[in-house]
Amino acid sequence: MKKLLSAIMAIALALSAVPASAGNFGSSRFGFQGGLTSSSASIKNFETKSVSQYHVGVTAQFPVGMGFCIQPSLLYQVKGMSLDQIAGSSADDVINSIEGKVGFAEIPVQVQWGPDLLLFRPYVFAEPFIGYRLHEDIFSSSDISYADEMKKLEYGFGVGAGIDIWKLQVSAKWFWNMGTIYRGESESLDKLHGLSVTLSIFF
């Protein structure tokens, strides 16, 4: 899976180097973006509650022809999780609460397709991403120290849709972190996933 994601990222970045004149939607453009990220995780096969956090960063859009655009971004992405209690068959299975958030320096690369309708451009996209953990704030009522075993690297995939209107862009996506973000001796945090809504402003 890591090799597949690496190949997709390499192809997307290579396509982004194609001159903007090859596209149907104008020249390349750059801008800022930000929005809300609602995410949850699983622990001991239990789903945590969704927690709303945020993301901010810079982005660039490169038309490459036939309705396709490549849009890489560099984000500060914060993903959260919340769990009140796990009921189990033994005392070791009971966790009263977990509250936390993890901040990543994240690089998503959207591969977009959509028709230019002159006044606006609707599109759909697929988006592999990679990230590096910058910090974490995870508090548990148990004695588990999640920060000590938290993975530094993240990677995953997203799918979604958006619309370009003049210099504004609004998009929404479902995303999935692939792999474990924490694995201890007795439990792990897995399947970090959720919904992200983004507003971009281009110049």
Protein backbone atom coordinates (compact mmCIF):
# COMPACT_ATOMS: atom_id res chain seq x y z
CA MET A 1 0.00 0.00 0.00
CA LYS A 2 2.84 2.40 0.81
CA LYS A 3 4.40 1.68 -2.60
CA LEU A 4 1.07 2.34 -4.32
CA LEU A 5 0.60 5.67 -2.52
CA SER A 6 4.20 6.65 -3.33
CA ALA A 7 3.58 5.90 -7.01
CA ILE A 8 0.37 7.95 -7.06
CA MET A 9 2.11 10.90 -5.38
CA ALA A 10 5.00 10.71 -7.87
CA ILE A 11 2.64 10.66 -10.88
CA ALA A 12 0.60 13.56 -9.49
CA LEU A 13 3.67 15.69 -8.84
CA ALA A 14 5.02 14.92 -12.31
CA LEU A 15 1.74 15.96 -13.91
CA SER A 16 1.78 19.21 -11.92
CA ALA A 17 4.95 20.19 -13.80
CA VAL A 18 3.12 20.20 -17.16
CA PRO A 19 2.82 23.79 -18.50
CA ALA A 20 -0.50 25.47 -17.73
CA SER A 21 -1.11 26.16 -21.43
CA ALA A 22 -1.91 22.48 -21.86
CA GLY A 23 -5.08 22.84 -19.80
CA ASN A 24 -8.59 24.09 -20.57
CA PHE A 25 -9.19 26.12 -17.41
CA GLY A 26 -6.74 29.00 -17.59
CA SER A 27 -3.33 29.42 -16.07
CA SER A 28 -1.83 27.98 -12.91
CA ARG A 29 -2.80 29.76 -9.72
CA PHE A 30 -1.80 29.86 -6.07
CA GLY A 31 -3.66 30.63 -2.89
CA PHE A 32 -4.49 29.98 0.74
CA GLN A 33 -6.95 27.53 2.20
CA GLY A 34 -8.49 26.56 5.49
CA GLY A 35 -11.45 24.73 6.91
CA LEU A 36 -12.89 22.21 9.31
CA THR A 37 -11.79 18.63 9.87
CA SER A 38 -14.13 16.24 11.69
CA SER A 39 -12.43 12.96 12.56
CA SER A 40 -12.68 9.87 14.72
CA ALA A 41 -10.62 6.74 15.38
CA SER A 42 -11.09 3.23 16.71
CA ILE A 43 -9.64 1.59 19.79
CA LYS A 44 -10.18 -2.06 20.75
CA ASN A 45 -12.64 -2.25 17.81
CA PHE A 46 -14.75 0.56 19.32
CA GLU A 47 -15.42 3.74 17.35
CA THR A 48 -14.60 7.05 19.03
CA LYS A 49 -16.79 10.12 18.75
CA SER A 50 -16.13 12.59 15.95
CA VAL A 51 -14.23 15.71 17.01
CA SER A 52 -14.11 18.92 14.96
CA GLN A 53 -10.70 20.51 14.49
CA TYR A 54 -9.20 22.60 11.66
CA HIS A 55 -6.65 22.84 8.87
CA VAL A 56 -4.86 25.82 7.26
CA GLY A 57 -2.22 26.15 4.60
CA VAL A 58 -1.24 27.04 1.05
CA THR A 59 -2.28 25.45 -2.23
CA ALA A 60 -1.63 25.59 -5.98
CA GLN A 61 -3.73 24.47 -8.93
CA PHE A 62 -2.23 23.32 -12.24
CA PRO A 63 -4.46 22.54 -15.27
CA VAL A 64 -3.08 19.63 -17.31
CA GLY A 65 -5.69 19.22 -20.05
CA MET A 66 -8.80 17.12 -20.82
CA GLY A 67 -10.61 18.54 -17.78
CA PHE A 68 -7.91 17.46 -15.31
CA CYS A 69 -6.16 19.60 -12.74
CA ILE A 70 -3.52 18.76 -10.16
CA GLN A 71 -3.77 20.60 -6.85
CA PRO A 72 -1.04 19.95 -4.25
CA SER A 73 -1.22 21.66 -0.86
CA LEU A 74 0.87 22.09 2.27
CA LEU A 75 -1.31 22.07 5.39
CA TYR A 76 -1.16 22.22 9.12
CA GLN A 77 -3.80 19.56 9.74
CA VAL A 78 -5.28 18.85 13.19
CA LYS A 79 -7.26 15.63 13.73
CA GLY A 80 -9.05 14.76 16.96
CA MET A 81 -10.76 11.91 18.77
CA SER A 82 -12.97 11.40 21.83
CA LEU A 83 -14.07 8.28 23.69
CA ASP A 84 -16.07 8.18 26.92
CA GLN A 85 -15.81 4.54 27.95
CA ILE A 86 -15.05 1.03 26.75
CA ALA A 87 -16.94 -1.77 28.44
CA GLY A 88 -15.24 -5.15 28.43
CA SER A 89 -15.18 -8.53 30.06
CA SER A 90 -12.31 -7.64 32.37
CA ALA A 91 -10.94 -4.63 34.18
CA ASP A 92 -8.18 -4.36 31.59
CA ASP A 93 -10.80 -3.63 28.91
CA VAL A 94 -12.31 -0.58 30.63
CA ILE A 95 -11.08 2.90 29.69
CA ASN A 96 -13.04 5.76 31.21
CA SER A 97 -12.13 8.44 28.70
CA ILE A 98 -9.76 9.52 25.94
CA GLU A 99 -9.67 13.07 24.62
CA GLY A 100 -7.08 14.24 22.18
CA LYS A 101 -5.86 15.82 18.99
CA VAL A 102 -2.85 15.31 16.74
CA GLY A 103 -1.29 18.01 14.54
CA PHE A 104 0.38 17.05 11.25
CA ALA A 105 2.36 18.84 8.57
CA GLU A 106 0.44 17.28 5.71
CA ILE A 107 0.88 17.20 1.93
CA PRO A 108 -2.29 16.21 0.05
CA VAL A 109 -2.28 16.07 -3.77
CA GLN A 110 -5.69 16.27 -5.44
CA VAL A 111 -6.19 14.81 -8.91
CA GLN A 112 -9.30 16.68 -10.11
CA TRP A 113 -11.57 16.27 -13.08
CA GLY A 114 -14.39 18.62 -14.04
CA PRO A 115 -15.79 20.61 -16.99
CA ASP A 116 -15.23 24.35 -17.42
CA LEU A 117 -18.72 25.88 -17.48
CA LEU A 118 -17.39 29.43 -17.91
CA LEU A 119 -18.94 30.89 -14.76
CA PHE A 120 -17.97 27.94 -12.56
CA ARG A 121 -16.26 24.56 -12.62
CA PRO A 122 -17.63 21.60 -10.66
CA TYR A 123 -15.22 18.72 -10.15
CA VAL A 124 -14.59 15.43 -8.40
CA PHE A 125 -11.22 14.33 -7.07
CA ALA A 126 -9.05 11.63 -5.54
CA GLU A 127 -6.40 12.67 -3.04
CA PRO A 128 -3.49 10.68 -1.60
CA PHE A 129 -1.74 12.39 1.30
CA ILE A 130 1.27 11.99 3.55
CA GLY A 131 2.05 13.79 6.80
CA TYR A 132 4.49 14.15 9.67
CA ARG A 133 3.32 14.49 13.26
CA LEU A 134 4.29 17.82 14.81
CA HIS A 135 2.56 17.49 18.17
CA GLU A 136 -0.11 15.61 20.07
CA ASP A 137 -2.34 16.35 23.06
CA ILE A 138 -3.96 13.10 24.17
CA PHE A 139 -5.35 12.70 27.66
CA SER A 140 -6.53 9.37 29.05
CA SER A 141 -8.00 8.52 32.43
CA SER A 142 -6.00 5.28 32.29
CA ASP A 143 -2.26 5.04 32.82
CA ILE A 144 -1.56 4.67 29.08
CA SER A 145 0.89 7.19 27.60
CA TYR A 146 -0.16 7.44 23.97
CA ALA A 147 2.38 10.10 23.05
CA ASP A 148 5.35 7.81 23.72
CA GLU A 149 4.32 5.29 21.04
CA MET A 150 2.56 7.62 18.58
CA LYS A 151 3.65 7.13 14.97
CA LYS A 152 5.55 10.02 13.42
CA LEU A 153 4.40 9.44 9.83
CA GLU A 154 0.84 9.24 8.50
CA TYR A 155 -0.47 8.41 5.06
CA GLY A 156 -3.90 7.91 3.57
CA PHE A 157 -6.41 8.65 0.87
CA GLY A 158 -9.41 10.91 0.30
CA VAL A 159 -12.23 11.28 -2.24
CA GLY A 160 -14.55 14.22 -2.69
CA ALA A 161 -16.03 16.96 -4.83
CA GLY A 162 -15.80 20.72 -5.11
CA ILE A 163 -16.59 23.78 -7.15
CA ASP A 164 -14.46 26.64 -8.49
CA ILE A 165 -16.17 30.04 -8.73
CA TRP A 166 -13.86 32.82 -9.89
CA LYS A 167 -11.10 32.99 -7.25
CA LEU A 168 -12.97 30.91 -4.69
CA GLN A 169 -13.05 27.16 -4.27
CA VAL A 170 -15.17 25.08 -1.90
CA SER A 171 -14.63 21.34 -1.49
CA ALA A 172 -15.59 18.46 0.78
CA LYS A 173 -13.96 15.06 1.12
CA TRP A 174 -13.99 11.81 3.05
CA PHE A 175 -10.52 10.74 4.14
CA TRP A 176 -8.99 7.62 5.63
CA ASN A 177 -5.65 7.31 7.40
CA MET A 178 -4.22 3.93 6.46
CA GLY A 179 -2.42 2.07 9.19
CA THR A 180 -2.11 2.45 12.92
CA ILE A 181 -1.36 5.82 14.53
CA TYR A 182 -0.52 4.24 17.92
CA ARG A 183 0.27 0.68 18.93
CA GLY A 184 1.05 -0.27 22.50
CA GLU A 185 1.38 -3.59 24.27
CA SER A 186 -2.34 -4.00 24.93
CA GLU A 187 -4.18 -1.75 22.47
CA SER A 188 -3.92 0.51 19.46
CA LEU A 189 -5.53 3.54 17.84
CA ASP A 190 -6.53 2.70 14.28
CA LYS A 191 -8.52 3.88 11.29
CA LEU A 192 -8.37 7.63 11.83
CA HIS A 193 -10.92 8.93 9.33
CA GLY A 194 -13.54 11.61 8.81
CA LEU A 195 -14.91 14.51 6.78
CA SER A 196 -13.08 17.67 5.74
CA VAL A 197 -14.59 20.88 4.32
CA THR A 198 -12.21 23.45 2.78
CA LEU A 199 -12.43 27.00 1.46
CA SER A 200 -9.60 28.14 -0.82
CA ILE A 201 -8.88 31.68 -2.04
CA PHE A 202 -6.68 32.05 -5.13
CA PHE A 203 -4.73 35.07 -6.33
